[in-house]
Amino acid sequence: MFVKPAKEGLIVRDPDEKYRPIPASGKQVKKNAYWLRRLRDGDVVLSAAESKSKSSEPSKKKTKKKSEISEEKPLPSSKGDE
């Protein structure tokens, strides 16, 4: 989840980064009890714009088309070589 300090000038520390303050522009953090408490207490706000833009980027992983899969030749069997 992407969080930002709720108020300008508010320092919110990240326990996963040796308690360094998160930037005013916000930071992607793990959804855990610490950050949920910060959210509940009003120390941080969720920033949907940044978290959506990062998570909605299309995957660059190449997937094979059905036509490419069907054209692949099967591996030779070792059963007939005995």
C-alpha atoms as a PDB file:
ATOM      1  CA  MET A   1       0.000   0.000   0.000  1.00  0.00           C
ATOM      2  CA  PHE A   2       1.167   3.525  -0.711  1.00  0.00           C
ATOM      3  CA  VAL A   3       1.017   5.948   2.211  1.00  0.00           C
ATOM      4  CA  LYS A   4       1.815   9.617   2.758  1.00  0.00           C
ATOM      5  CA  PRO A   5       2.056  11.621   5.973  1.00  0.00           C
ATOM      6  CA  ALA A   6      -1.416  12.985   6.761  1.00  0.00           C
ATOM      7  CA  LYS A   7      -0.216  16.561   7.376  1.00  0.00           C
ATOM      8  CA  GLU A   8       2.554  18.655   5.898  1.00  0.00           C
ATOM      9  CA  GLY A   9       5.589  18.577   8.159  1.00  0.00           C
ATOM     10  CA  LEU A  10       4.458  15.442  10.022  1.00  0.00           C
ATOM     11  CA  ILE A  11       7.289  12.964  10.495  1.00  0.00           C
ATOM     12  CA  VAL A  12       6.221   9.324  10.187  1.00  0.00           C
ATOM     13  CA  ARG A  13       8.925   6.747  10.698  1.00  0.00           C
ATOM     14  CA  ASP A  14       9.292   3.443   8.838  1.00  0.00           C
ATOM     15  CA  PRO A  15      10.294   0.540  11.120  1.00  0.00           C
ATOM     16  CA  ASP A  16      11.484  -1.493   8.123  1.00  0.00           C
ATOM     17  CA  GLU A  17      13.983   1.253   7.234  1.00  0.00           C
ATOM     18  CA  LYS A  18      15.657   1.685  10.629  1.00  0.00           C
ATOM     19  CA  TYR A  19      12.908   4.152  11.621  1.00  0.00           C
ATOM     20  CA  ARG A  20      13.894   6.679   8.997  1.00  0.00           C
ATOM     21  CA  PRO A  21      11.082   9.118   8.132  1.00  0.00           C
ATOM     22  CA  ILE A  22       9.056   8.388   5.022  1.00  0.00           C
ATOM     23  CA  PRO A  23       9.220  11.133   2.381  1.00  0.00           C
ATOM     24  CA  ALA A  24       6.468  13.754   2.222  1.00  0.00           C
ATOM     25  CA  SER A  25       5.675  12.472  -1.273  1.00  0.00           C
ATOM     26  CA  GLY A  26       4.871   9.069   0.229  1.00  0.00           C
ATOM     27  CA  LYS A  27       6.200   5.547   0.100  1.00  0.00           C
ATOM     28  CA  GLN A  28       5.125   2.013  -0.806  1.00  0.00           C
ATOM     29  CA  VAL A  29       4.988  -0.013   2.426  1.00  0.00           C
ATOM     30  CA  LYS A  30       3.946  -3.484   3.542  1.00  0.00           C
ATOM     31  CA  LYS A  31       0.375  -3.798   4.746  1.00  0.00           C
ATOM     32  CA  ASN A  32       0.941  -4.819   8.363  1.00  0.00           C
ATOM     33  CA  ALA A  33      -0.251  -3.936  11.861  1.00  0.00           C
ATOM     34  CA  TYR A  34       2.141  -0.981  12.176  1.00  0.00           C
ATOM     35  CA  TRP A  35       0.928   0.791   9.053  1.00  0.00           C
ATOM     36  CA  LEU A  36      -2.705  -0.066   9.704  1.00  0.00           C
ATOM     37  CA  ARG A  37      -2.359   1.587  13.142  1.00  0.00           C
ATOM     38  CA  ARG A  38      -0.730   4.667  11.583  1.00  0.00           C
ATOM     39  CA  LEU A  39      -3.648   4.805   9.153  1.00  0.00           C
ATOM     40  CA  ARG A  40      -6.278   4.333  11.887  1.00  0.00           C
ATOM     41  CA  ASP A  41      -4.637   6.976  14.084  1.00  0.00           C
ATOM     42  CA  GLY A  42      -4.582   9.499  11.233  1.00  0.00           C
ATOM     43  CA  ASP A  43      -0.788   9.718  10.956  1.00  0.00           C
ATOM     44  CA  VAL A  44      -0.806   8.611   7.315  1.00  0.00           C
ATOM     45  CA  VAL A  45      -3.280   8.579   4.445  1.00  0.00           C
ATOM     46  CA  LEU A  46      -3.573   6.114   1.612  1.00  0.00           C
ATOM     47  CA  SER A  47      -2.629   7.528  -1.733  1.00  0.00           C
ATOM     48  CA  ALA A  48      -4.496   5.505  -4.345  1.00  0.00           C
ATOM     49  CA  ALA A  49      -3.046   7.335  -7.350  1.00  0.00           C
ATOM     50  CA  GLU A  50       0.538   6.249  -6.759  1.00  0.00           C
ATOM     51  CA  SER A  51      -0.251   2.716  -5.620  1.00  0.00           C
ATOM     52  CA  LYS A  52      -2.555   2.104  -8.606  1.00  0.00           C
ATOM     53  CA  SER A  53      -0.059   3.457 -11.119  1.00  0.00           C
ATOM     54  CA  LYS A  54       2.635   1.108  -9.854  1.00  0.00           C
ATOM     55  CA  SER A  55       0.448  -1.971  -9.568  1.00  0.00           C
ATOM     56  CA  SER A  56      -1.484  -1.439 -12.800  1.00  0.00           C
ATOM     57  CA  GLU A  57       1.573  -1.359 -15.025  1.00  0.00           C
ATOM     58  CA  PRO A  58       1.322  -4.206 -17.514  1.00  0.00           C
ATOM     59  CA  SER A  59       3.589  -7.105 -16.891  1.00  0.00           C
ATOM     60  CA  LYS A  60       6.594  -7.214 -19.196  1.00  0.00           C
ATOM     61  CA  LYS A  61       6.783 -10.980 -18.874  1.00  0.00           C
ATOM     62  CA  LYS A  62       6.317 -12.562 -22.281  1.00  0.00           C
ATOM     63  CA  THR A  63       3.670 -15.229 -22.494  1.00  0.00           C
ATOM     64  CA  LYS A  64       3.335 -17.684 -25.348  1.00  0.00           C
ATOM     65  CA  LYS A  65       0.333 -17.603 -27.631  1.00  0.00           C
ATOM     66  CA  LYS A  66      -1.683 -20.773 -28.182  1.00  0.00           C
ATOM     67  CA  SER A  67      -0.382 -20.942 -31.744  1.00  0.00           C
ATOM     68  CA  GLU A  68       3.232 -20.868 -30.487  1.00  0.00           C
ATOM     69  CA  ILE A  69       2.551 -23.643 -27.983  1.00  0.00           C
ATOM     70  CA  SER A  70       0.894 -25.946 -30.512  1.00  0.00           C
ATOM     71  CA  GLU A  71       3.784 -25.497 -32.973  1.00  0.00           C
ATOM     72  CA  GLU A  72       6.391 -26.683 -30.466  1.00  0.00           C
ATOM     73  CA  LYS A  73       7.738 -30.166 -31.131  1.00  0.00           C
ATOM     74  CA  PRO A  74       7.459 -32.745 -28.324  1.00  0.00           C
ATOM     75  CA  LEU A  75      10.656 -33.929 -26.678  1.00  0.00           C
ATOM     76  CA  PRO A  76      11.903 -37.327 -27.871  1.00  0.00           C
ATOM     77  CA  SER A  77      11.022 -40.245 -25.659  1.00  0.00           C
ATOM     78  CA  SER A  78      13.853 -42.304 -24.138  1.00  0.00           C
ATOM     79  CA  LYS A  79      11.661 -45.427 -23.773  1.00  0.00           C
ATOM     80  CA  GLY A  80      12.371 -46.715 -27.278  1.00  0.00           C
ATOM     81  CA  ASP A  81      16.156 -46.314 -26.948  1.00  0.00           C
ATOM     82  CA  GLU A  82      16.666 -49.276 -24.621  1.00  0.00           C
END
